[in-house]
Amino acid sequence: MSAFVGREKELGELGDIYRSDRRICLVTGESRTGTSSLVRRFCTGKECIRVQLPEGSPSETVSCITEAIRACTGESVPEAATLAQAFDQLSTYLDGARVIAIDGIGNPKAEWFAPELAKFAEKAAEKGDMLILCGWPAHAAERTAKLAVKDIRVITIWPLGREDAASLHPKMEPLDSCMTYLTVGGVPVYSALMNKGTYEASVEKCFLGPYPRLCMEAENLVRRSSVPYDYCSAILSDIAHGEGRPIDIAEDEGISRQLCDIYIKKMEAEHLVSRIVPMGSAPKKPVYMVTSSLLAFYHGVIRNNPNLIYADNPDFRNISAETGMFLELRFRTFCAKYLKHKMGCTKTGGWWIVGEDTANITLVGTDGETNYICDCKFRNGKVDSGALDMLIERSERMRGLKNKKMTLFSISGFDSELVKRAKKEGVILIGPKELLV
């Protein structure tokens, strides 16, 4: 099944640029979000030269440009000796009607590659051809000045929403599809791999057994970080297990607080971890969560059970309890997206007290007038009034938040007593009918 879904908006943006006067753009996104697939889809049916730059030496980069010209035009082109010569060869095919797509632009060293790329971009602009640059990570999008290309339009690709991701495994029941989304997020290729019909079987296929492809993917993501692998992996494990405060992480890993802060700052810049926004009277010192669902699951569940990876007879039941705890915790990020996209919240974050385990953070969202105080339940069994009592008690300790609205999320629904009480007290209940559509 094709992993290309849900990119109508981005295709429309590329179409707008294609019809504009200056047709120079950068398509950026985090690893595996589908930037290359988007560019390939846009180029279908157009006269195009597509260049895929390698993670290799300068001579390999030069050769790739020449090879791309040969492959796309069918013409015999002599081997270029320098990058300038390779771009000169490419320039001869600028005719005002082509699309030139150069992928992997983050691979060559910028100080060597960027000046020649900028010269070529200006030639393309003068001729009127469309130049699409791709392969520049989203966390470096603000550093496009390194590319030295003037007046460049930037299109950022984000992970898919749950509905689009669900279309990549249509045989799954809605609940299994939701669990899959919590586990691997909206990265198209990950969702497409989780295609065994049930959540449990998909986890066995992709994370356990003889070829755990998504375990390998998680390891590769960590190894690309500028933080040393051992510390990067350990910090992700700490945060995935609810220790999101730098002071606790530094103590656990036996490193100085200063070095810990340096590592976490780099990981935050690389979108491996993100800060939980403190709401109301919550402590202002930073608390972190693992940004990627895949990395959160891998470091929170799978790495605790290394003997199950590459097993001859993988059995999901061996990790079912830990997976349940992971889904409960990760469900909070799912509910935060619901607040933003379905309830108009302009800001979401959390409330907690000093020293509290980050797994117990209360989700809070605001639309500027109402503050939604949320409890998020991802477990079997309908939620009863006891959960509402505990949420109300906790909300009474929250200072700095006015016009509070109690909001309960439950993947399994609510019992009849709570439904009646919620109507009477103006409590918002969001259950499976809303969450699994």
Protein backbone atom coordinates (compact mmCIF):
# COMPACT_ATOMS: atom_id res chain seq x y z
CA MET A 1 0.00 0.00 0.00
CA SER A 2 1.24 3.52 -0.81
CA ALA A 3 2.23 5.61 2.21
CA PHE A 4 1.22 8.81 0.43
CA VAL A 5 -1.93 10.23 1.97
CA GLY A 6 -3.18 13.50 3.39
CA ARG A 7 -0.90 15.96 1.60
CA GLU A 8 -3.44 17.94 -0.41
CA LYS A 9 -2.53 21.21 1.31
CA GLU A 10 1.19 20.82 0.60
CA LEU A 11 0.56 19.80 -3.03
CA GLY A 12 -1.56 22.92 -3.35
CA GLU A 13 1.27 25.07 -1.99
CA LEU A 14 3.70 23.56 -4.50
CA GLY A 15 1.17 24.22 -7.24
CA ASP A 16 0.93 27.87 -6.19
CA ILE A 17 4.70 28.21 -6.36
CA TYR A 18 4.76 26.47 -9.74
CA ARG A 19 2.40 29.14 -11.07
CA SER A 20 4.30 32.07 -9.50
CA ASP A 21 7.04 34.26 -10.93
CA ARG A 22 9.89 33.06 -8.68
CA ARG A 23 9.62 29.31 -8.40
CA ILE A 24 12.26 28.46 -5.79
CA CYS A 25 11.20 26.50 -2.72
CA LEU A 26 12.42 24.29 0.11
CA VAL A 27 10.39 21.28 1.29
CA THR A 28 11.42 20.37 4.81
CA GLY A 29 10.32 17.92 7.49
CA GLU A 30 11.59 15.51 10.08
CA SER A 31 12.90 12.11 9.05
CA ARG A 32 10.34 9.84 7.35
CA THR A 33 7.51 12.38 7.27
CA GLY A 34 7.28 12.12 3.48
CA THR A 35 9.11 15.11 2.00
CA SER A 36 10.61 13.04 -0.81
CA SER A 37 7.29 11.30 -1.51
CA LEU A 38 5.57 14.69 -1.75
CA VAL A 39 8.12 15.97 -4.27
CA ARG A 40 7.89 12.77 -6.34
CA ARG A 41 4.10 13.01 -6.41
CA PHE A 42 4.22 16.67 -7.45
CA CYS A 43 6.71 15.96 -10.23
CA THR A 44 4.57 13.19 -11.73
CA GLY A 45 3.57 14.15 -15.27
CA LYS A 46 5.96 17.12 -15.39
CA GLU A 47 9.24 17.45 -17.26
CA CYS A 48 11.62 16.99 -14.37
CA ILE A 49 15.20 16.24 -13.38
CA ARG A 50 15.43 14.74 -9.90
CA VAL A 51 18.77 14.61 -8.09
CA GLN A 52 19.28 12.52 -4.95
CA LEU A 53 22.40 13.64 -3.10
CA PRO A 54 24.19 10.97 -1.04
CA GLU A 55 25.69 10.93 2.42
CA GLY A 56 29.12 10.63 0.91
CA SER A 57 32.20 12.38 -0.37
CA PRO A 58 32.24 15.52 -2.53
CA SER A 59 33.13 13.43 -5.58
CA GLU A 60 30.06 11.23 -4.99
CA THR A 61 27.88 14.34 -4.81
CA VAL A 62 29.27 15.57 -8.13
CA SER A 63 28.71 12.16 -9.74
CA CYS A 64 25.11 12.00 -8.51
CA ILE A 65 24.23 15.23 -10.30
CA THR A 66 25.70 13.97 -13.57
CA GLU A 67 24.01 10.57 -13.20
CA ALA A 68 20.65 12.24 -12.52
CA ILE A 69 20.93 14.24 -15.74
CA ARG A 70 21.67 11.06 -17.69
CA ALA A 71 18.84 9.12 -16.07
CA CYS A 72 16.20 11.82 -16.53
CA THR A 73 17.12 13.02 -20.01
CA GLY A 74 18.54 9.88 -21.58
CA GLU A 75 21.43 11.91 -22.92
CA SER A 76 25.13 11.14 -22.66
CA VAL A 77 26.74 13.64 -20.32
CA PRO A 78 30.50 13.69 -19.58
CA GLU A 79 31.62 13.21 -16.01
CA ALA A 80 32.02 16.53 -14.20
CA ALA A 81 35.27 17.18 -12.33
CA THR A 82 33.94 19.72 -9.84
CA LEU A 83 30.65 20.72 -8.25
CA ALA A 84 30.65 23.95 -10.28
CA GLN A 85 30.96 21.94 -13.49
CA ALA A 86 28.12 19.60 -12.39
CA PHE A 87 25.80 22.55 -11.76
CA ASP A 88 26.87 24.07 -15.10
CA GLN A 89 25.81 20.84 -16.79
CA LEU A 90 22.47 21.00 -15.00
CA SER A 91 22.08 24.65 -16.01
CA THR A 92 22.10 23.72 -19.69
CA TYR A 93 18.74 22.02 -19.18
CA LEU A 94 17.06 25.12 -17.76
CA ASP A 95 14.44 26.16 -20.31
CA GLY A 96 11.72 27.89 -18.29
CA ALA A 97 9.51 24.81 -18.22
CA ARG A 98 11.32 22.17 -16.18
CA VAL A 99 11.13 21.21 -12.55
CA ILE A 100 14.53 20.57 -10.98
CA ALA A 101 14.24 18.68 -7.69
CA ILE A 102 17.35 18.25 -5.56
CA ASP A 103 16.87 15.94 -2.58
CA GLY A 104 19.27 15.31 0.29
CA ILE A 105 20.60 18.86 0.40
CA GLY A 106 21.42 18.45 4.09
CA ASN A 107 23.98 15.75 3.30
CA PRO A 108 26.87 17.74 1.71
CA LYS A 109 28.78 20.19 3.90
CA ALA A 110 27.06 23.56 3.58
CA GLU A 111 30.25 25.63 3.29
CA TRP A 112 31.26 23.64 0.21
CA PHE A 113 27.86 23.00 -1.35
CA ALA A 114 25.77 26.10 -0.59
CA PRO A 115 27.62 28.73 -2.70
CA GLU A 116 27.30 26.69 -5.91
CA LEU A 117 23.70 25.79 -5.10
CA ALA A 118 22.89 29.49 -4.66
CA LYS A 119 24.38 30.33 -8.07
CA PHE A 120 22.34 27.59 -9.69
CA ALA A 121 19.16 28.75 -7.94
CA GLU A 122 19.56 32.24 -9.37
CA LYS A 123 20.04 30.82 -12.86
CA ALA A 124 16.87 28.75 -12.44
CA ALA A 125 14.98 31.84 -11.26
CA GLU A 126 16.20 33.87 -14.24
CA LYS A 127 15.12 31.17 -16.69
CA GLY A 128 11.80 30.65 -14.94
CA ASP A 129 12.27 26.97 -14.04
CA MET A 130 10.99 25.59 -10.75
CA LEU A 131 13.66 24.48 -8.27
CA ILE A 132 12.57 22.29 -5.36
CA LEU A 133 15.12 21.65 -2.62
CA CYS A 134 14.43 18.78 -0.24
CA GLY A 135 16.12 16.90 2.58
CA TRP A 136 16.76 19.80 4.97
CA PRO A 137 15.50 18.75 8.43
CA ALA A 138 12.59 20.67 9.93
CA HIS A 139 14.51 21.42 13.12
CA ALA A 140 17.02 23.32 10.95
CA ALA A 141 14.42 25.16 8.90
CA GLU A 142 15.23 28.42 10.67
CA ARG A 143 18.84 28.06 9.50
CA THR A 144 18.06 28.23 5.79
CA ALA A 145 20.51 31.13 5.54
CA LYS A 146 23.21 28.44 5.40
CA LEU A 147 21.85 27.45 2.01
CA ALA A 148 22.58 30.99 0.73
CA VAL A 149 19.56 30.82 -1.59
CA LYS A 150 17.67 34.11 -1.80
CA ASP A 151 13.88 34.54 -1.55
CA ILE A 152 13.17 30.87 -0.96
CA ARG A 153 9.67 29.69 -0.05
CA VAL A 154 9.57 27.07 2.72
CA ILE A 155 6.98 24.28 2.93
CA THR A 156 7.15 22.24 6.13
CA ILE A 157 5.76 18.69 6.22
CA TRP A 158 4.34 17.60 9.57
CA PRO A 159 3.28 14.10 10.67
CA LEU A 160 -0.17 12.97 9.57
CA GLY A 161 -3.24 13.38 11.74
CA ARG A 162 -4.84 10.24 13.17
CA GLU A 163 -7.54 10.03 10.49
CA ASP A 164 -5.04 10.13 7.62
CA ALA A 165 -2.67 7.73 9.38
CA ALA A 166 -5.55 5.29 9.95
CA SER A 167 -6.09 5.01 6.20
CA LEU A 168 -2.71 3.27 5.96
CA HIS A 169 -3.99 0.27 7.94
CA PRO A 170 -7.68 0.04 6.93
CA LYS A 171 -8.18 -3.50 8.27
CA MET A 172 -7.68 -2.39 11.87
CA GLU A 173 -10.54 -1.71 14.22
CA PRO A 174 -10.76 1.95 15.33
CA LEU A 175 -9.31 1.24 18.79
CA ASP A 176 -6.36 -0.69 17.34
CA SER A 177 -5.78 2.13 14.88
CA CYS A 178 -5.76 4.65 17.73
CA MET A 179 -3.24 2.56 19.70
CA THR A 180 -1.07 2.36 16.59
CA TYR A 181 -1.16 6.14 16.28
CA LEU A 182 -0.16 6.55 19.92
CA THR A 183 2.74 4.15 19.36
CA VAL A 184 4.26 5.35 16.08
CA GLY A 185 2.60 8.74 15.55
CA GLY A 186 1.72 10.16 12.17
CA VAL A 187 4.88 9.20 10.29
CA PRO A 188 3.51 7.61 7.10
CA VAL A 189 6.07 4.84 6.65
CA TYR A 190 5.73 3.73 10.28
CA SER A 191 1.94 3.57 10.02
CA ALA A 192 2.19 1.63 6.76
CA LEU A 193 4.47 -0.94 8.40
CA MET A 194 2.00 -1.50 11.26
CA ASN A 195 -0.33 -3.35 8.92
CA LYS A 196 -0.99 -6.79 10.42
CA GLY A 197 -4.69 -6.17 11.11
CA THR A 198 -4.42 -5.93 14.89
CA TYR A 199 -2.32 -3.73 17.12
CA GLU A 200 -0.77 -6.66 18.97
CA ALA A 201 0.27 -8.48 15.79
CA SER A 202 1.69 -5.26 14.32
CA VAL A 203 3.80 -4.63 17.41
CA GLU A 204 5.09 -8.20 17.26
CA LYS A 205 6.02 -7.71 13.60
CA CYS A 206 7.69 -4.31 13.89
CA PHE A 207 9.25 -4.34 17.38
CA LEU A 208 9.73 -7.98 18.38
CA GLY A 209 10.79 -11.08 16.53
CA PRO A 210 13.53 -11.75 13.98
CA TYR A 211 13.38 -8.48 12.04
CA PRO A 212 12.18 -5.65 14.30
CA ARG A 213 12.36 -2.91 11.70
CA LEU A 214 11.01 -0.11 13.88
CA CYS A 215 13.52 -0.93 16.62
CA MET A 216 16.26 -0.41 14.05
CA GLU A 217 14.61 2.83 12.96
CA ALA A 218 14.50 4.11 16.55
CA GLU A 219 18.17 3.27 17.03
CA ASN A 220 19.08 5.09 13.83
CA LEU A 221 17.21 8.21 14.93
CA VAL A 222 19.16 8.28 18.19
CA ARG A 223 22.50 7.71 16.47
CA ARG A 224 21.93 10.74 14.23
CA SER A 225 21.81 13.03 17.25
CA SER A 226 24.73 15.31 18.06
CA VAL A 227 24.51 14.02 21.65
CA PRO A 228 26.67 10.95 22.32
CA TYR A 229 24.59 7.84 21.72
CA ASP A 230 24.84 6.39 25.24
CA TYR A 231 23.68 9.59 26.89
CA CYS A 232 21.05 10.41 24.29
CA SER A 233 19.49 6.96 24.69
CA ALA A 234 19.68 7.09 28.48
CA ILE A 235 18.06 10.53 28.65
CA LEU A 236 15.25 9.40 26.36
CA SER A 237 14.69 6.36 28.59
CA ASP A 238 14.54 8.51 31.72
CA ILE A 239 12.03 10.90 30.19
CA ALA A 240 9.94 8.07 28.70
CA HIS A 241 9.64 6.61 32.20
CA GLY A 242 8.31 9.83 33.69
CA GLU A 243 11.52 11.51 34.87
CA GLY A 244 11.32 14.67 32.84
CA ARG A 245 13.24 17.05 35.10
CA PRO A 246 16.90 17.72 34.22
CA ILE A 247 17.98 17.56 37.88
CA ASP A 248 16.63 14.00 38.17
CA ILE A 249 18.11 12.97 34.83
CA ALA A 250 21.55 14.29 35.77
CA GLU A 251 21.45 12.37 39.04
CA ASP A 252 20.32 9.14 37.36
CA GLU A 253 23.01 9.31 34.69
CA GLY A 254 25.82 10.44 36.97
CA ILE A 255 26.60 13.60 35.02
CA SER A 256 26.76 17.24 36.00
CA ARG A 257 23.64 19.35 35.75
CA GLN A 258 25.47 21.65 33.35
CA LEU A 259 26.33 18.82 30.96
CA CYS A 260 22.82 17.43 31.25
CA ASP A 261 21.36 20.81 30.31
CA ILE A 262 23.68 21.00 27.28
CA TYR A 263 22.59 17.56 26.08
CA ILE A 264 18.90 18.24 26.59
CA LYS A 265 19.14 21.59 24.82
CA LYS A 266 20.67 19.86 21.79
CA MET A 267 18.01 17.14 21.87
CA GLU A 268 15.30 19.78 22.07
CA ALA A 269 16.76 21.58 19.03
CA GLU A 270 16.72 18.24 17.19
CA HIS A 271 13.05 17.68 18.11
CA LEU A 272 13.87 14.55 20.12
CA VAL A 273 12.40 16.04 23.30
CA SER A 274 10.09 18.97 23.96
CA ARG A 275 9.14 21.04 26.98
CA ILE A 276 5.81 20.71 28.69
CA VAL A 277 4.36 24.22 28.96
CA PRO A 278 3.60 25.05 32.62
CA MET A 279 0.04 26.31 33.09
CA GLY A 280 -1.20 28.44 35.98
CA SER A 281 0.80 27.93 39.16
CA ALA A 282 2.83 24.98 37.86
CA PRO A 283 6.59 25.23 38.51
CA LYS A 284 8.41 27.17 35.82
CA LYS A 285 11.54 25.01 35.73
CA PRO A 286 11.56 22.95 32.54
CA VAL A 287 10.03 19.48 32.38
CA TYR A 288 10.40 17.40 29.23
CA MET A 289 8.61 14.72 27.26
CA VAL A 290 9.82 12.56 24.36
CA THR A 291 8.54 14.22 21.18
CA SER A 292 8.44 11.18 18.89
CA SER A 293 5.86 8.49 19.67
CA LEU A 294 8.19 5.87 18.20
CA LEU A 295 11.08 6.87 20.46
CA ALA A 296 8.79 7.11 23.48
CA PHE A 297 7.50 3.56 22.93
CA TYR A 298 10.91 2.13 22.13
CA HIS A 299 12.61 3.67 25.16
CA GLY A 300 9.64 3.29 27.49
CA VAL A 301 8.71 -0.32 26.68
CA ILE A 302 10.92 -2.19 24.22
CA ARG A 303 14.38 -1.41 25.62
CA ASN A 304 13.18 -2.73 29.00
CA ASN A 305 12.80 -6.14 27.36
CA PRO A 306 15.89 -6.68 25.17
CA ASN A 307 15.50 -10.47 25.30
CA LEU A 308 12.26 -10.17 23.31
CA ILE A 309 13.89 -8.42 20.36
CA TYR A 310 14.93 -10.87 17.64
CA ALA A 311 12.97 -13.61 19.41
CA ASP A 312 11.95 -16.64 17.34
CA ASN A 313 8.42 -16.62 18.76
CA PRO A 314 7.48 -13.02 19.62
CA ASP A 315 4.55 -12.69 22.02
CA PHE A 316 2.91 -9.33 22.71
CA ARG A 317 1.64 -10.61 26.05
CA ASN A 318 5.16 -10.28 27.44
CA ILE A 319 4.95 -6.48 27.13
CA SER A 320 1.19 -5.95 27.44
CA ALA A 321 1.30 -4.44 30.95
CA GLU A 322 4.08 -1.97 30.10
CA THR A 323 2.38 -1.13 26.82
CA GLY A 324 -0.83 -0.33 28.69
CA MET A 325 1.01 2.13 30.94
CA PHE A 326 2.69 3.68 27.90
CA LEU A 327 -0.63 4.15 26.08
CA GLU A 328 -2.18 5.78 29.15
CA LEU A 329 0.67 8.28 29.36
CA ARG A 330 0.88 8.94 25.62
CA PHE A 331 -2.87 9.44 25.42
CA ARG A 332 -2.34 12.82 27.06
CA THR A 333 -0.56 14.12 23.94
CA PHE A 334 -3.42 12.79 21.81
CA CYS A 335 -5.94 14.67 23.98
CA ALA A 336 -3.83 17.84 23.74
CA LYS A 337 -4.14 17.67 19.94
CA TYR A 338 -7.90 17.19 20.32
CA LEU A 339 -8.08 20.37 22.42
CA LYS A 340 -6.26 22.31 19.72
CA HIS A 341 -7.95 20.95 16.62
CA LYS A 342 -11.46 20.21 17.88
CA MET A 343 -12.03 22.65 20.74
CA GLY A 344 -10.18 25.73 19.54
CA CYS A 345 -7.52 25.83 22.25
CA THR A 346 -4.67 28.15 21.35
CA LYS A 347 -2.38 26.87 24.08
CA THR A 348 -1.98 23.53 25.83
CA GLY A 349 0.34 22.48 28.61
CA GLY A 350 0.32 20.93 32.03
CA TRP A 351 -0.07 21.57 35.73
CA TRP A 352 1.93 19.79 38.40
CA ILE A 353 3.45 20.35 41.81
CA VAL A 354 7.10 20.45 42.78
CA GLY A 355 8.68 17.02 42.82
CA GLU A 356 5.71 15.26 41.23
CA ASP A 357 6.34 12.43 38.76
CA THR A 358 5.80 13.79 35.26
CA ALA A 359 3.50 10.85 34.54
CA ASN A 360 0.96 12.55 36.84
CA ILE A 361 0.91 15.91 35.08
CA THR A 362 -2.60 17.24 34.45
CA LEU A 363 -3.37 18.38 30.91
CA VAL A 364 -4.64 21.97 30.63
CA GLY A 365 -5.80 23.79 27.52
CA THR A 366 -7.07 27.31 27.02
CA ASP A 367 -8.85 29.20 24.25
CA GLY A 368 -8.12 32.53 25.94
CA GLU A 369 -11.34 32.55 27.95
CA THR A 370 -11.95 29.04 29.26
CA ASN A 371 -9.32 26.83 30.89
CA TYR A 372 -10.05 23.16 30.27
CA ILE A 373 -8.77 21.01 33.14
CA CYS A 374 -8.42 17.49 31.75
CA ASP A 375 -8.11 13.93 32.92
CA CYS A 376 -7.17 11.45 30.20
CA LYS A 377 -8.07 7.78 30.65
CA PHE A 378 -6.86 5.13 28.23
CA ARG A 379 -7.89 1.88 29.88
CA ASN A 380 -10.56 -0.81 29.88
CA GLY A 381 -13.78 -0.05 31.72
CA LYS A 382 -16.00 2.98 31.80
CA VAL A 383 -14.90 5.97 33.86
CA ASP A 384 -17.02 6.72 36.94
CA SER A 385 -17.63 9.72 39.17
CA GLY A 386 -14.54 8.98 41.24
CA ALA A 387 -12.35 10.27 38.41
CA LEU A 388 -14.31 13.52 38.31
CA ASP A 389 -14.02 13.95 42.09
CA MET A 390 -10.25 13.56 41.90
CA LEU A 391 -10.02 16.03 38.99
CA ILE A 392 -12.09 18.63 40.84
CA GLU A 393 -9.95 18.21 43.96
CA ARG A 394 -6.79 18.66 41.92
CA SER A 395 -8.18 21.68 40.06
CA GLU A 396 -8.85 23.45 43.37
CA ARG A 397 -5.10 23.52 43.97
CA MET A 398 -4.44 25.26 40.65
CA ARG A 399 -3.83 28.96 41.09
CA GLY A 400 -3.67 31.45 38.24
CA LEU A 401 -6.34 29.71 36.17
CA LYS A 402 -9.78 31.28 35.99
CA ASN A 403 -13.01 29.99 34.44
CA LYS A 404 -12.07 26.33 34.81
CA LYS A 405 -14.00 23.70 32.88
CA MET A 406 -13.66 20.08 33.97
CA THR A 407 -13.03 17.84 30.94
CA LEU A 408 -12.78 14.06 30.98
CA PHE A 409 -11.36 12.03 28.09
CA SER A 410 -11.99 8.29 28.07
CA ILE A 411 -11.31 5.82 25.28
CA SER A 412 -13.81 3.38 26.88
CA GLY A 413 -16.60 5.83 27.71
CA PHE A 414 -18.37 6.77 30.95
CA ASP A 415 -20.85 5.09 33.24
CA SER A 416 -24.45 6.32 33.35
CA GLU A 417 -24.09 7.98 36.75
CA LEU A 418 -21.20 10.13 35.56
CA VAL A 419 -23.04 11.03 32.35
CA LYS A 420 -26.01 12.32 34.38
CA ARG A 421 -23.76 14.21 36.77
CA ALA A 422 -21.76 15.76 33.93
CA LYS A 423 -24.91 17.20 32.36
CA LYS A 424 -25.95 18.67 35.70
CA GLU A 425 -22.54 20.16 36.56
CA GLY A 426 -21.49 21.25 33.06
CA VAL A 427 -18.61 18.79 32.78
CA ILE A 428 -17.34 17.97 29.27
CA LEU A 429 -17.14 14.26 28.48
CA ILE A 430 -15.19 13.17 25.41
CA GLY A 431 -15.47 9.47 24.71
CA PRO A 432 -14.95 6.89 21.98
CA LYS A 433 -17.59 8.37 19.66
CA GLU A 434 -15.59 11.57 19.48
CA LEU A 435 -12.08 10.08 19.74
CA LEU A 436 -12.37 7.14 17.36
CA VAL A 437 -14.27 8.68 14.45
